[in-house]
């Protein structure tokens, strides 16, 4: 039984190292989302940080502050949703096969 526990511990340590590596790499991966038919574009990284927002000059020159704010919020929310999905998929690829089916541990 002791050898089984050591093997399991090594597997967990390996998974933790892989997860840390993936989390570091997520900072370099980006996703973008648009709103208003491309008038506003938000880009987020895999760490769910907004790294850029682009606003079309036509929207800016409209002077419609409320519309601009709404378009920015919509684009940011879409970008964060995509970043979250990307992060979940990356982490799932690390834990695949290492976790028993149905075992859902938050953050993994």
PDB file of N, CA and C in Angstrom:
ATOM      1  N   UNK A   1       0.829  -1.202   0.000  1.00  0.00           N
ATOM      2  CA  UNK A   1       0.000   0.000   0.000  1.00  0.00           C
ATOM      3  C   UNK A   1       0.864   1.253   0.000  1.00  0.00           C
ATOM      4  N   UNK A   2       1.997   1.170   0.718  1.00  0.00           N
ATOM      5  CA  UNK A   2       2.876   2.335   0.818  1.00  0.00           C
ATOM      6  C   UNK A   2       3.401   2.745  -0.560  1.00  0.00           C
ATOM      7  N   UNK A   3       3.786   1.772  -1.383  1.00  0.00           N
ATOM      8  CA  UNK A   3       4.281   2.082  -2.726  1.00  0.00           C
ATOM      9  C   UNK A   3       3.217   2.745  -3.583  1.00  0.00           C
ATOM     10  N   UNK A   4       1.971   2.322  -3.386  1.00  0.00           N
ATOM     11  CA  UNK A   4       0.861   2.925  -4.119  1.00  0.00           C
ATOM     12  C   UNK A   4       0.670   4.387  -3.758  1.00  0.00           C
ATOM     13  N   UNK A   5       0.815   4.688  -2.492  1.00  0.00           N
ATOM     14  CA  UNK A   5       0.677   6.076  -2.024  1.00  0.00           C
ATOM     15  C   UNK A   5       1.802   6.948  -2.576  1.00  0.00           C
ATOM     16  N   UNK A   6       3.028   6.409  -2.614  1.00  0.00           N
ATOM     17  CA  UNK A   6       4.157   7.169  -3.157  1.00  0.00           C
ATOM     18  C   UNK A   6       3.940   7.444  -4.639  1.00  0.00           C
ATOM     19  N   UNK A   7       3.452   6.441  -5.350  1.00  0.00           N
ATOM     20  CA  UNK A   7       3.179   6.614  -6.774  1.00  0.00           C
ATOM     21  C   UNK A   7       2.101   7.657  -7.001  1.00  0.00           C
ATOM     22  N   UNK A   8       1.075   7.620  -6.163  1.00  0.00           N
ATOM     23  CA  UNK A   8      -0.013   8.593  -6.268  1.00  0.00           C
ATOM     24  C   UNK A   8       0.497   9.997  -5.948  1.00  0.00           C
ATOM     25  N   UNK A   9       1.336  10.108  -4.934  1.00  0.00           N
ATOM     26  CA  UNK A   9       1.897  11.397  -4.552  1.00  0.00           C
ATOM     27  C   UNK A   9       2.747  11.963  -5.693  1.00  0.00           C
ATOM     28  N   UNK A  10       3.551  11.118  -6.328  1.00  0.00           N
ATOM     29  CA  UNK A  10       4.368  11.572  -7.458  1.00  0.00           C
ATOM     30  C   UNK A  10       3.485  12.050  -8.609  1.00  0.00           C
ATOM     31  N   UNK A  11       2.377  11.340  -8.835  1.00  0.00           N
ATOM     32  CA  UNK A  11       1.463  11.721  -9.911  1.00  0.00           C
ATOM     33  C   UNK A  11       0.819  13.081  -9.607  1.00  0.00           C
ATOM     34  N   UNK A  12       0.440  13.284  -8.354  1.00  0.00           N
ATOM     35  CA  UNK A  12      -0.151  14.567  -7.947  1.00  0.00           C
ATOM     36  C   UNK A  12       0.872  15.690  -8.098  1.00  0.00           C
ATOM     37  N   UNK A  13       2.117  15.443  -7.700  1.00  0.00           N
ATOM     38  CA  UNK A  13       3.163  16.459  -7.827  1.00  0.00           C
ATOM     39  C   UNK A  13       3.407  16.799  -9.299  1.00  0.00           C
ATOM     40  N   UNK A  14       3.396  15.776 -10.148  1.00  0.00           N
ATOM     41  CA  UNK A  14       3.575  15.997 -11.581  1.00  0.00           C
ATOM     42  C   UNK A  14       2.427  16.834 -12.126  1.00  0.00           C
ATOM     43  N   UNK A  15       1.204  16.519 -11.712  1.00  0.00           N
ATOM     44  CA  UNK A  15       0.039  17.268 -12.173  1.00  0.00           C
ATOM     45  C   UNK A  15       0.126  18.716 -11.708  1.00  0.00           C
ATOM     46  N   UNK A  16       0.549  18.934 -10.462  1.00  0.00           N
ATOM     47  CA  UNK A  16       0.688  20.296  -9.946  1.00  0.00           C
ATOM     48  C   UNK A  16       1.714  21.077 -10.759  1.00  0.00           C
ATOM     49  N   UNK A  17       2.818  20.456 -11.102  1.00  0.00           N
ATOM     50  CA  UNK A  17       3.852  21.117 -11.905  1.00  0.00           C
ATOM     51  C   UNK A  17       3.308  21.458 -13.290  1.00  0.00           C
ATOM     52  N   UNK A  18       2.567  20.525 -13.889  1.00  0.00           N
ATOM     53  CA  UNK A  18       1.973  20.772 -15.202  1.00  0.00           C
ATOM     54  C   UNK A  18       0.956  21.908 -15.140  1.00  0.00           C
ATOM     55  N   UNK A  19       0.152  21.932 -14.078  1.00  0.00           N
ATOM     56  CA  UNK A  19      -0.854  22.988 -13.924  1.00  0.00           C
ATOM     57  C   UNK A  19      -0.183  24.353 -13.771  1.00  0.00           C
ATOM     58  N   UNK A  20       0.895  24.397 -13.025  1.00  0.00           N
ATOM     59  CA  UNK A  20       1.630  25.651 -12.849  1.00  0.00           C
ATOM     60  C   UNK A  20       2.201  26.123 -14.183  1.00  0.00           C
ATOM     61  N   UNK A  21       2.720  25.187 -14.960  1.00  0.00           N
ATOM     62  CA  UNK A  21       3.266  25.514 -16.279  1.00  0.00           C
ATOM     63  C   UNK A  21       2.173  26.075 -17.186  1.00  0.00           C
ATOM     64  N   UNK A  22       1.013  25.421 -17.191  1.00  0.00           N
ATOM     65  CA  UNK A  22      -0.106  25.877 -18.024  1.00  0.00           C
ATOM     66  C   UNK A  22      -0.562  27.259 -17.579  1.00  0.00           C
ATOM     67  N   UNK A  23      -0.657  27.480 -16.266  1.00  0.00           N
ATOM     68  CA  UNK A  23      -1.081  28.791 -15.767  1.00  0.00           C
ATOM     69  C   UNK A  23      -0.116  29.878 -16.212  1.00  0.00           C
ATOM     70  N   UNK A  24       1.168  29.600 -16.197  1.00  0.00           N
ATOM     71  CA  UNK A  24       2.155  30.583 -16.660  1.00  0.00           C
ATOM     72  C   UNK A  24       2.001  30.850 -18.153  1.00  0.00           C
ATOM     73  N   UNK A  25       1.773  29.787 -18.924  1.00  0.00           N
ATOM     74  CA  UNK A  25       1.614  29.934 -20.371  1.00  0.00           C
ATOM     75  C   UNK A  25       0.336  30.692 -20.727  1.00  0.00           C
ATOM     76  N   UNK A  26      -0.690  30.591 -19.895  1.00  0.00           N
ATOM     77  CA  UNK A  26      -1.957  31.266 -20.174  1.00  0.00           C
ATOM     78  C   UNK A  26      -1.786  32.787 -20.246  1.00  0.00           C
ATOM     79  N   UNK A  27      -0.794  33.311 -19.569  1.00  0.00           N
ATOM     80  CA  UNK A  27      -0.541  34.743 -19.628  1.00  0.00           C
ATOM     81  C   UNK A  27      -0.091  35.198 -21.003  1.00  0.00           C
ATOM     82  N   UNK A  28       0.422  34.259 -21.811  1.00  0.00           N
ATOM     83  CA  UNK A  28       0.899  34.597 -23.156  1.00  0.00           C
ATOM     84  C   UNK A  28      -0.130  34.312 -24.238  1.00  0.00           C
ATOM     85  N   UNK A  29      -1.215  33.643 -23.881  1.00  0.00           N
ATOM     86  CA  UNK A  29      -2.252  33.313 -24.861  1.00  0.00           C
ATOM     87  C   UNK A  29      -3.352  34.360 -24.773  1.00  0.00           C
ATOM     88  N   UNK A  30      -3.862  34.768 -25.926  1.00  0.00           N
ATOM     89  CA  UNK A  30      -4.883  35.802 -25.932  1.00  0.00           C
ATOM     90  C   UNK A  30      -6.116  35.373 -26.725  1.00  0.00           C
ATOM     91  N   UNK A  31      -7.227  35.999 -26.370  1.00  0.00           N
ATOM     92  CA  UNK A  31      -8.478  35.862 -27.099  1.00  0.00           C
ATOM     93  C   UNK A  31      -9.050  37.261 -27.262  1.00  0.00           C
ATOM     94  N   UNK A  32      -9.773  37.474 -28.359  1.00  0.00           N
ATOM     95  CA  UNK A  32     -10.389  38.772 -28.601  1.00  0.00           C
ATOM     96  C   UNK A  32     -11.881  38.593 -28.831  1.00  0.00           C
ATOM     97  N   UNK A  33     -12.634  39.624 -28.507  1.00  0.00           N
ATOM     98  CA  UNK A  33     -14.075  39.619 -28.739  1.00  0.00           C
ATOM     99  C   UNK A  33     -14.489  41.015 -29.170  1.00  0.00           C
ATOM    100  N   UNK A  34     -15.530  41.063 -29.989  1.00  0.00           N
ATOM    101  CA  UNK A  34     -16.010  42.340 -30.518  1.00  0.00           C
ATOM    102  C   UNK A  34     -17.448  42.581 -30.096  1.00  0.00           C
ATOM    103  N   UNK A  35     -17.826  43.844 -30.146  1.00  0.00           N
ATOM    104  CA  UNK A  35     -19.226  44.218 -29.957  1.00  0.00           C
ATOM    105  C   UNK A  35     -19.542  45.315 -30.960  1.00  0.00           C
ATOM    106  N   UNK A  36     -20.819  45.520 -31.179  1.00  0.00           N
ATOM    107  CA  UNK A  36     -21.228  46.566 -32.125  1.00  0.00           C
ATOM    108  C   UNK A  36     -20.745  46.291 -33.531  1.00  0.00           C
ATOM    109  N   UNK A  37     -20.733  45.024 -33.916  1.00  0.00           N
ATOM    110  CA  UNK A  37     -20.294  44.689 -35.274  1.00  0.00           C
ATOM    111  C   UNK A  37     -18.836  45.025 -35.525  1.00  0.00           C
ATOM    112  N   UNK A  38     -18.016  44.930 -34.483  1.00  0.00           N
ATOM    113  CA  UNK A  38     -16.589  45.185 -34.639  1.00  0.00           C
ATOM    114  C   UNK A  38     -16.177  46.610 -34.287  1.00  0.00           C
ATOM    115  N   UNK A  39     -17.126  47.401 -33.809  1.00  0.00           N
ATOM    116  CA  UNK A  39     -16.787  48.794 -33.463  1.00  0.00           C
ATOM    117  C   UNK A  39     -15.903  48.864 -32.220  1.00  0.00           C
ATOM    118  N   UNK A  40     -16.039  47.872 -31.332  1.00  0.00           N
ATOM    119  CA  UNK A  40     -15.200  47.805 -30.139  1.00  0.00           C
ATOM    120  C   UNK A  40     -14.646  46.388 -30.046  1.00  0.00           C
ATOM    121  N   UNK A  41     -13.347  46.300 -29.780  1.00  0.00           N
ATOM    122  CA  UNK A  41     -12.682  45.001 -29.673  1.00  0.00           C
ATOM    123  C   UNK A  41     -11.895  44.981 -28.366  1.00  0.00           C
ATOM    124  N   UNK A  42     -12.119  43.920 -27.580  1.00  0.00           N
ATOM    125  CA  UNK A  42     -11.388  43.749 -26.329  1.00  0.00           C
ATOM    126  C   UNK A  42     -10.560  42.477 -26.434  1.00  0.00           C
ATOM    127  N   UNK A  43      -9.335  42.539 -25.934  1.00  0.00           N
ATOM    128  CA  UNK A  43      -8.446  41.381 -25.942  1.00  0.00           C
ATOM    129  C   UNK A  43      -8.061  41.062 -24.505  1.00  0.00           C
ATOM    130  N   UNK A  44      -8.191  39.769 -24.163  1.00  0.00           N
ATOM    131  CA  UNK A  44      -7.840  39.300 -22.821  1.00  0.00           C
ATOM    132  C   UNK A  44      -6.819  38.184 -22.947  1.00  0.00           C
ATOM    133  N   UNK A  45      -6.044  38.003 -21.886  1.00  0.00           N
ATOM    134  CA  UNK A  45      -5.125  36.857 -21.874  1.00  0.00           C
ATOM    135  C   UNK A  45      -5.758  35.716 -21.090  1.00  0.00           C
ATOM    136  N   UNK A  46      -5.076  34.586 -21.077  1.00  0.00           N
ATOM    137  CA  UNK A  46      -5.599  33.410 -20.401  1.00  0.00           C
ATOM    138  C   UNK A  46      -5.658  33.530 -18.897  1.00  0.00           C
ATOM    139  N   UNK A  47      -5.068  34.584 -18.353  1.00  0.00           N
ATOM    140  CA  UNK A  47      -5.154  34.831 -16.911  1.00  0.00           C
ATOM    141  C   UNK A  47      -6.347  35.726 -16.590  1.00  0.00           C
ATOM    142  N   UNK A  48      -7.196  35.914 -17.608  1.00  0.00           N
ATOM    143  CA  UNK A  48      -8.435  36.698 -17.494  1.00  0.00           C
ATOM    144  C   UNK A  48      -8.153  38.169 -17.184  1.00  0.00           C
ATOM    145  N   UNK A  49      -7.115  38.693 -17.806  1.00  0.00           N
ATOM    146  CA  UNK A  49      -6.773  40.112 -17.698  1.00  0.00           C
ATOM    147  C   UNK A  49      -7.023  40.765 -19.056  1.00  0.00           C
ATOM    148  N   UNK A  50      -7.670  41.922 -19.046  1.00  0.00           N
ATOM    149  CA  UNK A  50      -7.869  42.666 -20.287  1.00  0.00           C
ATOM    150  C   UNK A  50      -6.542  43.319 -20.618  1.00  0.00           C
ATOM    151  N   UNK A  51      -6.047  43.060 -21.837  1.00  0.00           N
ATOM    152  CA  UNK A  51      -4.741  43.612 -22.194  1.00  0.00           C
ATOM    153  C   UNK A  51      -4.846  44.719 -23.238  1.00  0.00           C
ATOM    154  N   UNK A  52      -6.004  44.797 -23.934  1.00  0.00           N
ATOM    155  CA  UNK A  52      -6.184  45.928 -24.844  1.00  0.00           C
ATOM    156  C   UNK A  52      -7.656  46.099 -25.187  1.00  0.00           C
ATOM    157  N   UNK A  53      -7.990  47.337 -25.497  1.00  0.00           N
ATOM    158  CA  UNK A  53      -9.331  47.694 -25.982  1.00  0.00           C
ATOM    159  C   UNK A  53      -9.138  48.612 -27.174  1.00  0.00           C
ATOM    160  N   UNK A  54      -9.801  48.272 -28.271  1.00  0.00           N
ATOM    161  CA  UNK A  54      -9.746  49.099 -29.479  1.00  0.00           C
ATOM    162  C   UNK A  54     -11.146  49.619 -29.759  1.00  0.00           C
ATOM    163  N   UNK A  55     -11.250  50.919 -29.986  1.00  0.00           N
ATOM    164  CA  UNK A  55     -12.540  51.543 -30.275  1.00  0.00           C
ATOM    165  C   UNK A  55     -12.430  52.234 -31.632  1.00  0.00           C
ATOM    166  N   UNK A  56     -13.324  51.863 -32.534  1.00  0.00           N
ATOM    167  CA  UNK A  56     -13.338  52.424 -33.879  1.00  0.00           C
ATOM    168  C   UNK A  56     -13.530  53.943 -33.815  1.00  0.00           C
ATOM    169  N   UNK A  57     -12.797  54.678 -34.651  1.00  0.00           N
ATOM    170  CA  UNK A  57     -12.880  56.143 -34.671  1.00  0.00           C
ATOM    171  C   UNK A  57     -14.300  56.637 -34.909  1.00  0.00           C
ATOM    172  N   UNK A  58     -15.068  55.910 -35.713  1.00  0.00           N
ATOM    173  CA  UNK A  58     -16.444  56.311 -36.009  1.00  0.00           C
ATOM    174  C   UNK A  58     -17.288  56.334 -34.731  1.00  0.00           C
ATOM    175  N   UNK A  59     -17.058  55.364 -33.853  1.00  0.00           N
ATOM    176  CA  UNK A  59     -17.795  55.315 -32.587  1.00  0.00           C
ATOM    177  C   UNK A  59     -17.375  56.480 -31.706  1.00  0.00           C
ATOM    178  N   UNK A  60     -16.085  56.739 -31.658  1.00  0.00           N
ATOM    179  CA  UNK A  60     -15.574  57.838 -30.835  1.00  0.00           C
ATOM    180  C   UNK A  60     -16.131  59.168 -31.324  1.00  0.00           C
ATOM    181  N   UNK A  61     -16.114  59.367 -32.644  1.00  0.00           N
ATOM    182  CA  UNK A  61     -16.580  60.647 -33.195  1.00  0.00           C
ATOM    183  C   UNK A  61     -18.091  60.824 -33.048  1.00  0.00           C
ATOM    184  N   UNK A  62     -18.822  59.739 -32.771  1.00  0.00           N
ATOM    185  CA  UNK A  62     -20.273  59.862 -32.570  1.00  0.00           C
ATOM    186  C   UNK A  62     -20.566  60.651 -31.301  1.00  0.00           C
ATOM    187  N   UNK A  63     -19.637  60.590 -30.349  1.00  0.00           N
ATOM    188  CA  UNK A  63     -19.819  61.319 -29.096  1.00  0.00           C
ATOM    189  C   UNK A  63     -20.857  60.698 -28.183  1.00  0.00           C
ATOM    190  N   UNK A  64     -21.378  59.551 -28.544  1.00  0.00           N
ATOM    191  CA  UNK A  64     -22.405  58.887 -27.733  1.00  0.00           C
ATOM    192  C   UNK A  64     -21.728  58.096 -26.620  1.00  0.00           C
ATOM    193  N   UNK A  65     -21.479  58.784 -25.504  1.00  0.00           N
ATOM    194  CA  UNK A  65     -20.741  58.206 -24.385  1.00  0.00           C
ATOM    195  C   UNK A  65     -21.383  56.919 -23.866  1.00  0.00           C
ATOM    196  N   UNK A  66     -22.700  56.934 -23.694  1.00  0.00           N
ATOM    197  CA  UNK A  66     -23.390  55.743 -23.181  1.00  0.00           C
ATOM    198  C   UNK A  66     -23.232  54.554 -24.109  1.00  0.00           C
ATOM    199  N   UNK A  67     -23.337  54.781 -25.406  1.00  0.00           N
ATOM    200  CA  UNK A  67     -23.197  53.685 -26.363  1.00  0.00           C
ATOM    201  C   UNK A  67     -21.782  53.125 -26.307  1.00  0.00           C
ATOM    202  N   UNK A  68     -20.796  54.006 -26.236  1.00  0.00           N
ATOM    203  CA  UNK A  68     -19.398  53.565 -26.169  1.00  0.00           C
ATOM    204  C   UNK A  68     -19.195  52.712 -24.918  1.00  0.00           C
ATOM    205  N   UNK A  69     -19.700  53.185 -23.790  1.00  0.00           N
ATOM    206  CA  UNK A  69     -19.553  52.439 -22.539  1.00  0.00           C
ATOM    207  C   UNK A  69     -20.211  51.061 -22.643  1.00  0.00           C
ATOM    208  N   UNK A  70     -21.419  51.012 -23.215  1.00  0.00           N
ATOM    209  CA  UNK A  70     -22.124  49.737 -23.368  1.00  0.00           C
ATOM    210  C   UNK A  70     -21.352  48.788 -24.279  1.00  0.00           C
ATOM    211  N   UNK A  71     -20.801  49.311 -25.374  1.00  0.00           N
ATOM    212  CA  UNK A  71     -20.043  48.470 -26.298  1.00  0.00           C
ATOM    213  C   UNK A  71     -18.765  47.952 -25.656  1.00  0.00           C
ATOM    214  N   UNK A  72     -18.113  48.780 -24.857  1.00  0.00           N
ATOM    215  CA  UNK A  72     -16.889  48.355 -24.162  1.00  0.00           C
ATOM    216  C   UNK A  72     -17.218  47.252 -23.161  1.00  0.00           C
ATOM    217  N   UNK A  73     -18.269  47.447 -22.381  1.00  0.00           N
ATOM    218  CA  UNK A  73     -18.665  46.429 -21.397  1.00  0.00           C
ATOM    219  C   UNK A  73     -18.983  45.111 -22.097  1.00  0.00           C
ATOM    220  N   UNK A  74     -19.733  45.171 -23.194  1.00  0.00           N
ATOM    221  CA  UNK A  74     -20.109  43.953 -23.916  1.00  0.00           C
ATOM    222  C   UNK A  74     -18.867  43.238 -24.463  1.00  0.00           C
ATOM    223  N   UNK A  75     -17.953  43.984 -25.063  1.00  0.00           N
ATOM    224  CA  UNK A  75     -16.740  43.376 -25.629  1.00  0.00           C
ATOM    225  C   UNK A  75     -15.864  42.778 -24.525  1.00  0.00           C
ATOM    226  N   UNK A  76     -15.726  43.491 -23.419  1.00  0.00           N
ATOM    227  CA  UNK A  76     -14.908  43.005 -22.299  1.00  0.00           C
ATOM    228  C   UNK A  76     -15.503  41.723 -21.724  1.00  0.00           C
ATOM    229  N   UNK A  77     -16.816  41.712 -21.515  1.00  0.00           N
ATOM    230  CA  UNK A  77     -17.456  40.510 -20.970  1.00  0.00           C
ATOM    231  C   UNK A  77     -17.284  39.317 -21.899  1.00  0.00           C
ATOM    232  N   UNK A  78     -17.428  39.533 -23.201  1.00  0.00           N
ATOM    233  CA  UNK A  78     -17.233  38.442 -24.164  1.00  0.00           C
ATOM    234  C   UNK A  78     -15.783  37.950 -24.140  1.00  0.00           C
ATOM    235  N   UNK A  79     -14.836  38.865 -24.075  1.00  0.00           N
ATOM    236  CA  UNK A  79     -13.416  38.486 -24.050  1.00  0.00           C
ATOM    237  C   UNK A  79     -13.085  37.705 -22.785  1.00  0.00           C
ATOM    238  N   UNK A  80     -13.610  38.143 -21.647  1.00  0.00           N
ATOM    239  CA  UNK A  80     -13.356  37.434 -20.390  1.00  0.00           C
ATOM    240  C   UNK A  80     -13.991  36.045 -20.391  1.00  0.00           C
ATOM    241  N   UNK A  81     -15.175  35.943 -20.989  1.00  0.00           N
ATOM    242  CA  UNK A  81     -15.837  34.643 -21.100  1.00  0.00           C
ATOM    243  C   UNK A  81     -14.992  33.696 -21.952  1.00  0.00           C
ATOM    244  N   UNK A  82     -14.466  34.205 -23.061  1.00  0.00           N
ATOM    245  CA  UNK A  82     -13.611  33.387 -23.927  1.00  0.00           C
ATOM    246  C   UNK A  82     -12.312  33.009 -23.223  1.00  0.00           C
ATOM    247  N   UNK A  83     -11.740  33.944 -22.470  1.00  0.00           N
ATOM    248  CA  UNK A  83     -10.496  33.669 -21.734  1.00  0.00           C
ATOM    249  C   UNK A  83     -10.743  32.604 -20.683  1.00  0.00           C
ATOM    250  N   UNK A  84     -11.874  32.680 -20.012  1.00  0.00           N
ATOM    251  CA  UNK A  84     -12.216  31.691 -18.993  1.00  0.00           C
ATOM    252  C   UNK A  84     -12.356  30.309 -19.619  1.00  0.00           C
ATOM    253  N   UNK A  85     -13.039  30.241 -20.749  1.00  0.00           N
ATOM    254  CA  UNK A  85     -13.226  28.964 -21.440  1.00  0.00           C
ATOM    255  C   UNK A  85     -11.874  28.389 -21.881  1.00  0.00           C
ATOM    256  N   UNK A  86     -11.011  29.251 -22.419  1.00  0.00           N
ATOM    257  CA  UNK A  86      -9.690  28.808 -22.853  1.00  0.00           C
ATOM    258  C   UNK A  86      -8.905  28.255 -21.657  1.00  0.00           C
ATOM    259  N   UNK A  87      -8.938  28.961 -20.531  1.00  0.00           N
ATOM    260  CA  UNK A  87      -8.206  28.522 -19.335  1.00  0.00           C
ATOM    261  C   UNK A  87      -8.747  27.184 -18.842  1.00  0.00           C
ATOM    262  N   UNK A  88     -10.070  27.033 -18.839  1.00  0.00           N
ATOM    263  CA  UNK A  88     -10.658  25.773 -18.394  1.00  0.00           C
ATOM    264  C   UNK A  88     -10.232  24.621 -19.299  1.00  0.00           C
ATOM    265  N   UNK A  89     -10.224  24.858 -20.605  1.00  0.00           N
ATOM    266  CA  UNK A  89      -9.823  23.815 -21.549  1.00  0.00           C
ATOM    267  C   UNK A  89      -8.359  23.430 -21.372  1.00  0.00           C
ATOM    268  N   UNK A  90      -7.505  24.422 -21.154  1.00  0.00           N
ATOM    269  CA  UNK A  90      -6.082  24.149 -20.947  1.00  0.00           C
ATOM    270  C   UNK A  90      -5.864  23.339 -19.672  1.00  0.00           C
ATOM    271  N   UNK A  91      -6.548  23.715 -18.602  1.00  0.00           N
ATOM    272  CA  UNK A  91      -6.386  23.011 -17.335  1.00  0.00           C
ATOM    273  C   UNK A  91      -6.978  21.601 -17.432  1.00  0.00           C
ATOM    274  N   UNK A  92      -8.076  21.450 -18.152  1.00  0.00           N
ATOM    275  CA  UNK A  92      -8.695  20.132 -18.313  1.00  0.00           C
ATOM    276  C   UNK A  92      -7.752  19.186 -19.041  1.00  0.00           C
ATOM    277  N   UNK A  93      -6.966  19.736 -19.966  1.00  0.00           N
ATOM    278  CA  UNK A  93      -6.034  18.877 -20.695  1.00  0.00           C
ATOM    279  C   UNK A  93      -4.946  18.338 -19.769  1.00  0.00           C
ATOM    280  N   UNK A  94      -4.621  19.068 -18.713  1.00  0.00           N
ATOM    281  CA  UNK A  94      -3.606  18.627 -17.747  1.00  0.00           C
ATOM    282  C   UNK A  94      -4.191  17.563 -16.829  1.00  0.00           C
ATOM    283  N   UNK A  95      -5.404  17.774 -16.363  1.00  0.00           N
ATOM    284  CA  UNK A  95      -5.994  16.868 -15.376  1.00  0.00           C
ATOM    285  C   UNK A  95      -6.650  15.650 -16.015  1.00  0.00           C
ATOM    286  N   UNK A  96      -6.830  15.659 -17.330  1.00  0.00           N
ATOM    287  CA  UNK A  96      -7.484  14.546 -18.021  1.00  0.00           C
ATOM    288  C   UNK A  96      -6.741  13.237 -17.736  1.00  0.00           C
ATOM    289  N   UNK A  97      -7.486  12.268 -17.320  1.00  0.00           N
ATOM    290  CA  UNK A  97      -6.897  10.968 -17.044  1.00  0.00           C
ATOM    291  C   UNK A  97      -6.287  10.843 -15.657  1.00  0.00           C
ATOM    292  N   UNK A  98      -6.131  11.950 -14.966  1.00  0.00           N
ATOM    293  CA  UNK A  98      -5.543  11.885 -13.628  1.00  0.00           C
ATOM    294  C   UNK A  98      -6.602  11.949 -12.544  1.00  0.00           C
ATOM    295  N   UNK A  99      -7.792  12.424 -12.901  1.00  0.00           N
ATOM    296  CA  UNK A  99      -8.861  12.554 -11.921  1.00  0.00           C
ATOM    297  C   UNK A  99      -9.933  11.524 -12.216  1.00  0.00           C
ATOM    298  N   UNK A 100     -10.469  10.906 -11.185  1.00  0.00           N
ATOM    299  CA  UNK A 100     -11.565   9.964 -11.414  1.00  0.00           C
ATOM    300  C   UNK A 100     -12.766  10.692 -12.024  1.00  0.00           C
ATOM    301  N   UNK A 101     -13.503  10.053 -12.921  1.00  0.00           N
ATOM    302  CA  UNK A 101     -14.675  10.696 -13.534  1.00  0.00           C
ATOM    303  C   UNK A 101     -15.652  11.157 -12.466  1.00  0.00           C
ATOM    304  N   UNK A 102     -16.187  12.348 -12.657  1.00  0.00           N
ATOM    305  CA  UNK A 102     -17.172  12.877 -11.725  1.00  0.00           C
ATOM    306  C   UNK A 102     -16.579  13.627 -10.548  1.00  0.00           C
ATOM    307  N   UNK A 103     -15.278  13.548 -10.353  1.00  0.00           N
ATOM    308  CA  UNK A 103     -14.655  14.266  -9.254  1.00  0.00           C
ATOM    309  C   UNK A 103     -14.351  15.675  -9.731  1.00  0.00           C
ATOM    310  N   UNK A 104     -15.062  16.621  -9.179  1.00  0.00           N
ATOM    311  CA  UNK A 104     -14.919  18.011  -9.608  1.00  0.00           C
ATOM    312  C   UNK A 104     -14.308  18.815  -8.470  1.00  0.00           C
ATOM    313  N   UNK A 105     -13.042  19.158  -8.610  1.00  0.00           N
ATOM    314  CA  UNK A 105     -12.348  19.927  -7.589  1.00  0.00           C
ATOM    315  C   UNK A 105     -12.238  21.371  -8.092  1.00  0.00           C
ATOM    316  N   UNK A 106     -12.778  22.330  -7.335  1.00  0.00           N
ATOM    317  CA  UNK A 106     -12.716  23.727  -7.762  1.00  0.00           C
ATOM    318  C   UNK A 106     -11.284  24.163  -8.077  1.00  0.00           C
ATOM    319  N   UNK A 107     -11.148  24.891  -9.170  1.00  0.00           N
ATOM    320  CA  UNK A 107      -9.823  25.375  -9.583  1.00  0.00           C
ATOM    321  C   UNK A 107      -9.057  24.392 -10.441  1.00  0.00           C
ATOM    322  N   UNK A 108      -9.633  23.227 -10.710  1.00  0.00           N
ATOM    323  CA  UNK A 108      -8.942  22.228 -11.539  1.00  0.00           C
ATOM    324  C   UNK A 108      -9.746  21.962 -12.775  1.00  0.00           C
TER     325      UNK A 108
END
